[in-house]
Amino acid sequence: NSLKPEDTAVYYCYLNLRTTWAAHFTTDWGQGTQVTV
């Protein structure tokens, strides 16, 4: 809400998870979605 021009960027989804094939946690990223104000 109350978006400002300074918010213009590519927004990336971030996920820290444990997969079914590994005991440790790993990080995954989305491809990004453009937000332009």
PDB file of all heavy atoms in Angstrom:
ATOM      1  N   ASN A   1       0.832  -1.193   0.000  1.00  0.00           N
ATOM      2  CA  ASN A   1       0.000   0.000   0.000  1.00  0.00           C
ATOM      3  C   ASN A   1       0.870   1.248   0.000  1.00  0.00           C
ATOM      4  O   ASN A   1       2.052   1.204   0.332  1.00  0.00           O
ATOM      5  CB  ASN A   1      -0.927   0.010   1.215  1.00  0.00           C
ATOM      6  CG  ASN A   1      -1.898  -1.146   1.238  1.00  0.00           C
ATOM      7  OD1 ASN A   1      -2.368  -1.613   0.198  1.00  0.00           O
ATOM      8  ND2 ASN A   1      -2.229  -1.615   2.442  1.00  0.00           N
ATOM      9  N   SER A   2       0.254   2.362  -0.357  1.00  0.00           N
ATOM     10  CA  SER A   2       0.956   3.652  -0.378  1.00  0.00           C
ATOM     11  C   SER A   2       2.270   3.562  -1.136  1.00  0.00           C
ATOM     12  O   SER A   2       3.318   4.015  -0.671  1.00  0.00           O
ATOM     13  CB  SER A   2       1.188   4.147   1.055  1.00  0.00           C
ATOM     14  OG  SER A   2      -0.031   4.288   1.751  1.00  0.00           O
ATOM     15  N   LEU A   3       2.219   2.986  -2.313  1.00  0.00           N
ATOM     16  CA  LEU A   3       3.426   2.755  -3.090  1.00  0.00           C
ATOM     17  C   LEU A   3       4.075   4.065  -3.527  1.00  0.00           C
ATOM     18  O   LEU A   3       3.388   5.049  -3.824  1.00  0.00           O
ATOM     19  CB  LEU A   3       3.113   1.897  -4.307  1.00  0.00           C
ATOM     20  CG  LEU A   3       2.924   0.408  -4.006  1.00  0.00           C
ATOM     21  CD1 LEU A   3       2.213  -0.287  -5.153  1.00  0.00           C
ATOM     22  CD2 LEU A   3       4.276  -0.246  -3.732  1.00  0.00           C
ATOM     23  N   LYS A   4       5.391   4.056  -3.557  1.00  0.00           N
ATOM     24  CA  LYS A   4       6.192   5.203  -3.944  1.00  0.00           C
ATOM     25  C   LYS A   4       7.080   4.832  -5.124  1.00  0.00           C
ATOM     26  O   LYS A   4       7.384   3.658  -5.324  1.00  0.00           O
ATOM     27  CB  LYS A   4       7.064   5.668  -2.764  1.00  0.00           C
ATOM     28  CG  LYS A   4       6.288   6.019  -1.513  1.00  0.00           C
ATOM     29  CD  LYS A   4       7.201   6.541  -0.411  1.00  0.00           C
ATOM     30  CE  LYS A   4       8.128   5.470   0.099  1.00  0.00           C
ATOM     31  NZ  LYS A   4       8.941   5.960   1.262  1.00  0.00           N
ATOM     32  N   PRO A   5       7.502   5.822  -5.917  1.00  0.00           N
ATOM     33  CA  PRO A   5       8.406   5.514  -7.030  1.00  0.00           C
ATOM     34  C   PRO A   5       9.658   4.763  -6.590  1.00  0.00           C
ATOM     35  O   PRO A   5      10.190   3.966  -7.366  1.00  0.00           O
ATOM     36  CB  PRO A   5       8.752   6.897  -7.594  1.00  0.00           C
ATOM     37  CG  PRO A   5       7.557   7.725  -7.284  1.00  0.00           C
ATOM     38  CD  PRO A   5       7.081   7.245  -5.936  1.00  0.00           C
ATOM     39  N   GLU A   6      10.113   4.993  -5.381  1.00  0.00           N
ATOM     40  CA  GLU A   6      11.279   4.298  -4.856  1.00  0.00           C
ATOM     41  C   GLU A   6      11.054   2.800  -4.691  1.00  0.00           C
ATOM     42  O   GLU A   6      12.013   2.047  -4.514  1.00  0.00           O
ATOM     43  CB  GLU A   6      11.699   4.888  -3.508  1.00  0.00           C
ATOM     44  CG  GLU A   6      12.033   6.372  -3.559  1.00  0.00           C
ATOM     45  CD  GLU A   6      10.833   7.243  -3.238  1.00  0.00           C
ATOM     46  OE1 GLU A   6       9.919   7.321  -4.081  1.00  0.00           O
ATOM     47  OE2 GLU A   6      10.822   7.851  -2.144  1.00  0.00           O
ATOM     48  N   ASP A   7       9.807   2.360  -4.731  1.00  0.00           N
ATOM     49  CA  ASP A   7       9.499   0.937  -4.635  1.00  0.00           C
ATOM     50  C   ASP A   7       9.668   0.209  -5.959  1.00  0.00           C
ATOM     51  O   ASP A   7       9.553  -1.018  -5.998  1.00  0.00           O
ATOM     52  CB  ASP A   7       8.066   0.736  -4.135  1.00  0.00           C
ATOM     53  CG  ASP A   7       7.857   1.267  -2.729  1.00  0.00           C
ATOM     54  OD1 ASP A   7       8.732   1.055  -1.868  1.00  0.00           O
ATOM     55  OD2 ASP A   7       6.806   1.898  -2.493  1.00  0.00           O
ATOM     56  N   THR A   8       9.911   0.940  -7.030  1.00  0.00           N
ATOM     57  CA  THR A   8      10.078   0.334  -8.343  1.00  0.00           C
ATOM     58  C   THR A   8      11.285  -0.602  -8.337  1.00  0.00           C
ATOM     59  O   THR A   8      12.404  -0.195  -8.025  1.00  0.00           O
ATOM     60  CB  THR A   8      10.250   1.402  -9.423  1.00  0.00           C
ATOM     61  OG1 THR A   8       9.059   2.184  -9.518  1.00  0.00           O
ATOM     62  CG2 THR A   8      10.528   0.765 -10.777  1.00  0.00           C
ATOM     63  N   ALA A   9      11.050  -1.861  -8.687  1.00  0.00           N
ATOM     64  CA  ALA A   9      12.101  -2.870  -8.660  1.00  0.00           C
ATOM     65  C   ALA A   9      11.532  -4.185  -9.171  1.00  0.00           C
ATOM     66  O   ALA A   9      10.325  -4.321  -9.369  1.00  0.00           O
ATOM     67  CB  ALA A   9      12.651  -3.057  -7.247  1.00  0.00           C
ATOM     68  N   VAL A  10      12.423  -5.139  -9.363  1.00  0.00           N
ATOM     69  CA  VAL A  10      12.011  -6.514  -9.579  1.00  0.00           C
ATOM     70  C   VAL A  10      11.919  -7.178  -8.215  1.00  0.00           C
ATOM     71  O   VAL A  10      12.877  -7.142  -7.437  1.00  0.00           O
ATOM     72  CB  VAL A  10      12.986  -7.276 -10.486  1.00  0.00           C
ATOM     73  CG1 VAL A  10      12.564  -8.740 -10.621  1.00  0.00           C
ATOM     74  CG2 VAL A  10      13.061  -6.619 -11.859  1.00  0.00           C
ATOM     75  N   TYR A  11      10.784  -7.758  -7.926  1.00  0.00           N
ATOM     76  CA  TYR A  11      10.548  -8.400  -6.643  1.00  0.00           C
ATOM     77  C   TYR A  11      10.701  -9.905  -6.787  1.00  0.00           C
ATOM     78  O   TYR A  11      10.076 -10.527  -7.648  1.00  0.00           O
ATOM     79  CB  TYR A  11       9.146  -8.059  -6.125  1.00  0.00           C
ATOM     80  CG  TYR A  11       9.045  -6.654  -5.585  1.00  0.00           C
ATOM     81  CD1 TYR A  11       9.139  -5.558  -6.433  1.00  0.00           C
ATOM     82  CD2 TYR A  11       8.871  -6.418  -4.219  1.00  0.00           C
ATOM     83  CE1 TYR A  11       9.073  -4.263  -5.940  1.00  0.00           C
ATOM     84  CE2 TYR A  11       8.794  -5.134  -3.722  1.00  0.00           C
ATOM     85  CZ  TYR A  11       8.898  -4.061  -4.585  1.00  0.00           C
ATOM     86  OH  TYR A  11       8.820  -2.777  -4.085  1.00  0.00           O
ATOM     87  N   TYR A  12      11.538 -10.485  -5.930  1.00  0.00           N
ATOM     88  CA  TYR A  12      11.856 -11.902  -5.988  1.00  0.00           C
ATOM     89  C   TYR A  12      11.297 -12.626  -4.772  1.00  0.00           C
ATOM     90  O   TYR A  12      11.532 -12.212  -3.637  1.00  0.00           O
ATOM     91  CB  TYR A  12      13.371 -12.122  -6.037  1.00  0.00           C
ATOM     92  CG  TYR A  12      14.033 -11.578  -7.276  1.00  0.00           C
ATOM     93  CD1 TYR A  12      14.548 -10.288  -7.300  1.00  0.00           C
ATOM     94  CD2 TYR A  12      14.147 -12.358  -8.419  1.00  0.00           C
ATOM     95  CE1 TYR A  12      15.159  -9.786  -8.434  1.00  0.00           C
ATOM     96  CE2 TYR A  12      14.758 -11.864  -9.554  1.00  0.00           C
ATOM     97  CZ  TYR A  12      15.264 -10.581  -9.556  1.00  0.00           C
ATOM     98  OH  TYR A  12      15.873 -10.093 -10.683  1.00  0.00           O
ATOM     99  N   CYS A  13      10.599 -13.700  -5.026  1.00  0.00           N
ATOM    100  CA  CYS A  13      10.128 -14.562  -3.951  1.00  0.00           C
ATOM    101  C   CYS A  13      11.291 -15.364  -3.387  1.00  0.00           C
ATOM    102  O   CYS A  13      12.130 -15.868  -4.141  1.00  0.00           O
ATOM    103  CB  CYS A  13       9.036 -15.493  -4.474  1.00  0.00           C
ATOM    104  SG  CYS A  13       8.317 -16.586  -3.231  1.00  0.00           S
ATOM    105  N   TYR A  14      11.338 -15.480  -2.069  1.00  0.00           N
ATOM    106  CA  TYR A  14      12.413 -16.168  -1.360  1.00  0.00           C
ATOM    107  C   TYR A  14      11.826 -17.306  -0.540  1.00  0.00           C
ATOM    108  O   TYR A  14      10.798 -17.145   0.122  1.00  0.00           O
ATOM    109  CB  TYR A  14      13.142 -15.176  -0.459  1.00  0.00           C
ATOM    110  CG  TYR A  14      14.017 -15.802   0.594  1.00  0.00           C
ATOM    111  CD1 TYR A  14      15.324 -16.173   0.310  1.00  0.00           C
ATOM    112  CD2 TYR A  14      13.533 -16.004   1.880  1.00  0.00           C
ATOM    113  CE1 TYR A  14      16.133 -16.731   1.282  1.00  0.00           C
ATOM    114  CE2 TYR A  14      14.342 -16.563   2.857  1.00  0.00           C
ATOM    115  CZ  TYR A  14      15.641 -16.923   2.545  1.00  0.00           C
ATOM    116  OH  TYR A  14      16.437 -17.470   3.516  1.00  0.00           O
ATOM    117  N   LEU A  15      12.516 -18.436  -0.583  1.00  0.00           N
ATOM    118  CA  LEU A  15      12.048 -19.611   0.142  1.00  0.00           C
ATOM    119  C   LEU A  15      13.230 -20.324   0.778  1.00  0.00           C
ATOM    120  O   LEU A  15      14.191 -20.671   0.088  1.00  0.00           O
ATOM    121  CB  LEU A  15      11.300 -20.562  -0.801  1.00  0.00           C
ATOM    122  CG  LEU A  15      10.810 -21.891  -0.232  1.00  0.00           C
ATOM    123  CD1 LEU A  15       9.749 -21.655   0.827  1.00  0.00           C
ATOM    124  CD2 LEU A  15      10.263 -22.775  -1.349  1.00  0.00           C
ATOM    125  N   ASN A  16      13.173 -20.527   2.077  1.00  0.00           N
ATOM    126  CA  ASN A  16      14.143 -21.336   2.797  1.00  0.00           C
ATOM    127  C   ASN A  16      13.415 -22.594   3.258  1.00  0.00           C
ATOM    128  O   ASN A  16      12.451 -22.514   4.024  1.00  0.00           O
ATOM    129  CB  ASN A  16      14.721 -20.567   3.977  1.00  0.00           C
ATOM    130  CG  ASN A  16      15.802 -21.336   4.699  1.00  0.00           C
ATOM    131  OD1 ASN A  16      15.572 -21.891   5.768  1.00  0.00           O
ATOM    132  ND2 ASN A  16      16.994 -21.370   4.115  1.00  0.00           N
ATOM    133  N   LEU A  17      13.874 -23.744   2.787  1.00  0.00           N
ATOM    134  CA  LEU A  17      13.107 -24.968   2.975  1.00  0.00           C
ATOM    135  C   LEU A  17      14.012 -26.176   3.119  1.00  0.00           C
ATOM    136  O   LEU A  17      15.204 -26.128   2.832  1.00  0.00           O
ATOM    137  CB  LEU A  17      12.157 -25.192   1.791  1.00  0.00           C
ATOM    138  CG  LEU A  17      12.806 -25.721   0.493  1.00  0.00           C
ATOM    139  CD1 LEU A  17      11.762 -26.393  -0.382  1.00  0.00           C
ATOM    140  CD2 LEU A  17      13.511 -24.612  -0.268  1.00  0.00           C
ATOM    141  N   ARG A  18      13.414 -27.270   3.550  1.00  0.00           N
ATOM    142  CA  ARG A  18      14.065 -28.567   3.511  1.00  0.00           C
ATOM    143  C   ARG A  18      13.332 -29.415   2.486  1.00  0.00           C
ATOM    144  O   ARG A  18      12.107 -29.578   2.572  1.00  0.00           O
ATOM    145  CB  ARG A  18      14.059 -29.243   4.879  1.00  0.00           C
ATOM    146  CG  ARG A  18      14.831 -30.551   4.911  1.00  0.00           C
ATOM    147  CD  ARG A  18      14.963 -31.086   6.329  1.00  0.00           C
ATOM    148  NE  ARG A  18      13.681 -31.455   6.892  1.00  0.00           N
ATOM    149  CZ  ARG A  18      13.068 -32.611   6.683  1.00  0.00           C
ATOM    150  NH1 ARG A  18      13.629 -33.535   5.893  1.00  0.00           N
ATOM    151  NH2 ARG A  18      11.901 -32.855   7.251  1.00  0.00           N
ATOM    152  N   THR A  19      14.059 -29.944   1.542  1.00  0.00           N
ATOM    153  CA  THR A  19      13.464 -30.761   0.501  1.00  0.00           C
ATOM    154  C   THR A  19      13.285 -32.188   0.999  1.00  0.00           C
ATOM    155  O   THR A  19      13.804 -32.583   2.045  1.00  0.00           O
ATOM    156  CB  THR A  19      14.322 -30.755  -0.769  1.00  0.00           C
ATOM    157  OG1 THR A  19      15.591 -31.362  -0.501  1.00  0.00           O
ATOM    158  CG2 THR A  19      14.550 -29.333  -1.255  1.00  0.00           C
ATOM    159  N   THR A  20      12.567 -32.977   0.211  1.00  0.00           N
ATOM    160  CA  THR A  20      12.345 -34.373   0.571  1.00  0.00           C
ATOM    161  C   THR A  20      13.590 -35.222   0.375  1.00  0.00           C
ATOM    162  O   THR A  20      13.649 -36.350   0.865  1.00  0.00           O
ATOM    163  CB  THR A  20      11.189 -34.957  -0.251  1.00  0.00           C
ATOM    164  OG1 THR A  20      11.471 -34.824  -1.645  1.00  0.00           O
ATOM    165  CG2 THR A  20       9.886 -34.235   0.067  1.00  0.00           C
ATOM    166  N   TRP A  21      14.588 -34.692  -0.319  1.00  0.00           N
ATOM    167  CA  TRP A  21      15.778 -35.474  -0.643  1.00  0.00           C
ATOM    168  C   TRP A  21      17.039 -34.998   0.077  1.00  0.00           C
ATOM    169  O   TRP A  21      18.130 -35.505  -0.195  1.00  0.00           O
ATOM    170  CB  TRP A  21      16.023 -35.472  -2.152  1.00  0.00           C
ATOM    171  CG  TRP A  21      15.888 -34.126  -2.809  1.00  0.00           C
ATOM    172  CD1 TRP A  21      14.781 -33.625  -3.411  1.00  0.00           C
ATOM    173  CD2 TRP A  21      16.895 -33.111  -2.920  1.00  0.00           C
ATOM    174  NE1 TRP A  21      15.018 -32.362  -3.894  1.00  0.00           N
ATOM    175  CE2 TRP A  21      16.322 -32.023  -3.607  1.00  0.00           C
ATOM    176  CE3 TRP A  21      18.230 -33.027  -2.513  1.00  0.00           C
ATOM    177  CZ2 TRP A  21      17.031 -30.862  -3.888  1.00  0.00           C
ATOM    178  CZ3 TRP A  21      18.938 -31.857  -2.789  1.00  0.00           C
ATOM    179  CH2 TRP A  21      18.332 -30.803  -3.469  1.00  0.00           C
ATOM    180  N   ALA A  22      16.918 -34.023   0.994  1.00  0.00           N
ATOM    181  CA  ALA A  22      18.072 -33.516   1.727  1.00  0.00           C
ATOM    182  C   ALA A  22      17.667 -33.182   3.158  1.00  0.00           C
ATOM    183  O   ALA A  22      16.563 -32.686   3.408  1.00  0.00           O
ATOM    184  CB  ALA A  22      18.659 -32.290   1.046  1.00  0.00           C
ATOM    185  N   ALA A  23      18.575 -33.431   4.104  1.00  0.00           N
ATOM    186  CA  ALA A  23      18.296 -33.167   5.511  1.00  0.00           C
ATOM    187  C   ALA A  23      18.485 -31.697   5.868  1.00  0.00           C
ATOM    188  O   ALA A  23      17.850 -31.196   6.802  1.00  0.00           O
ATOM    189  CB  ALA A  23      19.183 -34.042   6.391  1.00  0.00           C
ATOM    190  N   HIS A  24      19.389 -31.001   5.176  1.00  0.00           N
ATOM    191  CA  HIS A  24      19.676 -29.609   5.478  1.00  0.00           C
ATOM    192  C   HIS A  24      18.695 -28.678   4.764  1.00  0.00           C
ATOM    193  O   HIS A  24      18.050 -29.057   3.786  1.00  0.00           O
ATOM    194  CB  HIS A  24      21.106 -29.263   5.060  1.00  0.00           C
ATOM    195  CG  HIS A  24      21.351 -29.396   3.593  1.00  0.00           C
ATOM    196  ND1 HIS A  24      21.617 -30.596   2.993  1.00  0.00           N
ATOM    197  CD2 HIS A  24      21.357 -28.474   2.597  1.00  0.00           C
ATOM    198  CE1 HIS A  24      21.788 -30.423   1.697  1.00  0.00           C
ATOM    199  NE2 HIS A  24      21.638 -29.137   1.437  1.00  0.00           N
ATOM    200  N   PHE A  25      18.599 -27.460   5.262  1.00  0.00           N
ATOM    201  CA  PHE A  25      17.771 -26.445   4.625  1.00  0.00           C
ATOM    202  C   PHE A  25      18.516 -25.819   3.462  1.00  0.00           C
ATOM    203  O   PHE A  25      19.744 -25.666   3.486  1.00  0.00           O
ATOM    204  CB  PHE A  25      17.364 -25.364   5.623  1.00  0.00           C
ATOM    205  CG  PHE A  25      16.209 -25.755   6.496  1.00  0.00           C
ATOM    206  CD1 PHE A  25      16.413 -26.442   7.677  1.00  0.00           C
ATOM    207  CD2 PHE A  25      14.908 -25.428   6.135  1.00  0.00           C
ATOM    208  CE1 PHE A  25      15.351 -26.808   8.481  1.00  0.00           C
ATOM    209  CE2 PHE A  25      13.836 -25.785   6.933  1.00  0.00           C
ATOM    210  CZ  PHE A  25      14.053 -26.478   8.105  1.00  0.00           C
ATOM    211  N   THR A  26      17.775 -25.464   2.438  1.00  0.00           N
ATOM    212  CA  THR A  26      18.333 -24.817   1.275  1.00  0.00           C
ATOM    213  C   THR A  26      17.465 -23.623   0.894  1.00  0.00           C
ATOM    214  O   THR A  26      16.355 -23.456   1.409  1.00  0.00           O
ATOM    215  CB  THR A  26      18.435 -25.801   0.099  1.00  0.00           C
ATOM    216  OG1 THR A  26      19.135 -25.192  -0.988  1.00  0.00           O
ATOM    217  CG2 THR A  26      17.049 -26.231  -0.366  1.00  0.00           C
ATOM    218  N   THR A  27      17.982 -22.791   0.009  1.00  0.00           N
ATOM    219  CA  THR A  27      17.310 -21.566  -0.398  1.00  0.00           C
ATOM    220  C   THR A  27      16.945 -21.621  -1.871  1.00  0.00           C
ATOM    221  O   THR A  27      17.744 -22.066  -2.691  1.00  0.00           O
ATOM    222  CB  THR A  27      18.200 -20.342  -0.137  1.00  0.00           C
ATOM    223  OG1 THR A  27      18.456 -20.239   1.267  1.00  0.00           O
ATOM    224  CG2 THR A  27      17.521 -19.059  -0.613  1.00  0.00           C
ATOM    225  N   ASP A  28      15.746 -21.160  -2.187  1.00  0.00           N
ATOM    226  CA  ASP A  28      15.285 -21.104  -3.564  1.00  0.00           C
ATOM    227  C   ASP A  28      14.737 -19.710  -3.847  1.00  0.00           C
ATOM    228  O   ASP A  28      14.234 -19.031  -2.942  1.00  0.00           O
ATOM    229  CB  ASP A  28      14.217 -22.166  -3.811  1.00  0.00           C
ATOM    230  CG  ASP A  28      14.023 -22.471  -5.284  1.00  0.00           C
ATOM    231  OD1 ASP A  28      14.892 -22.082  -6.098  1.00  0.00           O
ATOM    232  OD2 ASP A  28      13.016 -23.107  -5.627  1.00  0.00           O
ATOM    233  N   TRP A  29      14.838 -19.294  -5.102  1.00  0.00           N
ATOM    234  CA  TRP A  29      14.390 -17.972  -5.534  1.00  0.00           C
ATOM    235  C   TRP A  29      13.442 -18.074  -6.708  1.00  0.00           C
ATOM    236  O   TRP A  29      13.611 -18.917  -7.594  1.00  0.00           O
ATOM    237  CB  TRP A  29      15.585 -17.110  -5.954  1.00  0.00           C
ATOM    238  CG  TRP A  29      16.510 -16.752  -4.837  1.00  0.00           C
ATOM    239  CD1 TRP A  29      17.602 -17.449  -4.416  1.00  0.00           C
ATOM    240  CD2 TRP A  29      16.421 -15.596  -3.999  1.00  0.00           C
ATOM    241  NE1 TRP A  29      18.208 -16.804  -3.371  1.00  0.00           N
ATOM    242  CE2 TRP A  29      17.502 -15.658  -3.096  1.00  0.00           C
ATOM    243  CE3 TRP A  29      15.545 -14.518  -3.933  1.00  0.00           C
ATOM    244  CZ2 TRP A  29      17.726 -14.682  -2.129  1.00  0.00           C
ATOM    245  CZ3 TRP A  29      15.763 -13.547  -2.969  1.00  0.00           C
ATOM    246  CH2 TRP A  29      16.840 -13.633  -2.087  1.00  0.00           C
ATOM    247  N   GLY A  30      12.453 -17.184  -6.734  1.00  0.00           N
ATOM    248  CA  GLY A  30      11.610 -17.054  -7.897  1.00  0.00           C
ATOM    249  C   GLY A  30      12.319 -16.302  -9.002  1.00  0.00           C
ATOM    250  O   GLY A  30      13.405 -15.747  -8.819  1.00  0.00           O
ATOM    251  N   GLN A  31      11.702 -16.266 -10.172  1.00  0.00           N
ATOM    252  CA  GLN A  31      12.299 -15.585 -11.312  1.00  0.00           C
ATOM    253  C   GLN A  31      12.114 -14.073 -11.264  1.00  0.00           C
ATOM    254  O   GLN A  31      12.781 -13.358 -12.014  1.00  0.00           O
ATOM    255  CB  GLN A  31      11.721 -16.139 -12.617  1.00  0.00           C
ATOM    256  CG  GLN A  31      12.111 -17.588 -12.876  1.00  0.00           C
ATOM    257  CD  GLN A  31      11.624 -18.089 -14.219  1.00  0.00           C
ATOM    258  OE1 GLN A  31      10.795 -17.460 -14.882  1.00  0.00           O
ATOM    259  NE2 GLN A  31      12.143 -19.234 -14.634  1.00  0.00           N
ATOM    260  N   GLY A  32      11.238 -13.594 -10.423  1.00  0.00           N
ATOM    261  CA  GLY A  32      11.043 -12.171 -10.245  1.00  0.00           C
ATOM    262  C   GLY A  32       9.825 -11.643 -10.986  1.00  0.00           C
ATOM    263  O   GLY A  32       9.481 -12.128 -12.065  1.00  0.00           O
ATOM    264  N   THR A  33       9.188 -10.645 -10.404  1.00  0.00           N
ATOM    265  CA  THR A  33       8.070  -9.962 -11.027  1.00  0.00           C
ATOM    266  C   THR A  33       8.294  -8.455 -10.919  1.00  0.00           C
ATOM    267  O   THR A  33       8.687  -7.952  -9.866  1.00  0.00           O
ATOM    268  CB  THR A  33       6.731 -10.375 -10.382  1.00  0.00           C
ATOM    269  OG1 THR A  33       5.649  -9.740 -11.060  1.00  0.00           O
ATOM    270  CG2 THR A  33       6.681 -10.013  -8.902  1.00  0.00           C
ATOM    271  N   GLN A  34       8.062  -7.745 -12.009  1.00  0.00           N
ATOM    272  CA  GLN A  34       8.344  -6.318 -12.074  1.00  0.00           C
ATOM    273  C   GLN A  34       7.235  -5.513 -11.415  1.00  0.00           C
ATOM    274  O   GLN A  34       6.052  -5.705 -11.708  1.00  0.00           O
ATOM    275  CB  GLN A  34       8.513  -5.868 -13.527  1.00  0.00           C
ATOM    276  CG  GLN A  34       8.747  -4.367 -13.702  1.00  0.00           C
ATOM    277  CD  GLN A  34      10.110  -3.928 -13.214  1.00  0.00           C
ATOM    278  OE1 GLN A  34      11.117  -4.576 -13.523  1.00  0.00           O
ATOM    279  NE2 GLN A  34      10.152  -2.840 -12.452  1.00  0.00           N
ATOM    280  N   VAL A  35       7.634  -4.603 -10.541  1.00  0.00           N
ATOM    281  CA  VAL A  35       6.730  -3.624  -9.946  1.00  0.00           C
ATOM    282  C   VAL A  35       7.233  -2.244 -10.334  1.00  0.00           C
ATOM    283  O   VAL A  35       8.372  -1.894 -10.035  1.00  0.00           O
ATOM    284  CB  VAL A  35       6.654  -3.752  -8.420  1.00  0.00           C
ATOM    285  CG1 VAL A  35       5.862  -2.587  -7.819  1.00  0.00           C
ATOM    286  CG2 VAL A  35       6.025  -5.083  -8.030  1.00  0.00           C
ATOM    287  N   THR A  36       6.389  -1.471 -11.001  1.00  0.00           N
ATOM    288  CA  THR A  36       6.750  -0.133 -11.432  1.00  0.00           C
ATOM    289  C   THR A  36       5.745   0.861 -10.873  1.00  0.00           C
ATOM    290  O   THR A  36       4.538   0.720 -11.087  1.00  0.00           O
ATOM    291  CB  THR A  36       6.776  -0.024 -12.964  1.00  0.00           C
ATOM    292  OG1 THR A  36       7.704  -0.974 -13.499  1.00  0.00           O
ATOM    293  CG2 THR A  36       7.197   1.376 -13.394  1.00  0.00           C
ATOM    294  N   VAL A  37       6.248   1.857 -10.165  1.00  0.00           N
ATOM    295  CA  VAL A  37       5.413   2.888  -9.553  1.00  0.00           C
ATOM    296  C   VAL A  37       5.746   4.214 -10.217  1.00  0.00           C
ATOM    297  O   VAL A  37       6.883   4.685 -10.143  1.00  0.00           O
ATOM    298  CB  VAL A  37       5.630   2.975  -8.040  1.00  0.00           C
ATOM    299  CG1 VAL A  37       4.671   3.997  -7.438  1.00  0.00           C
ATOM    300  CG2 VAL A  37       5.443   1.609  -7.398  1.00  0.00           C
TER     301      VAL A  37
END
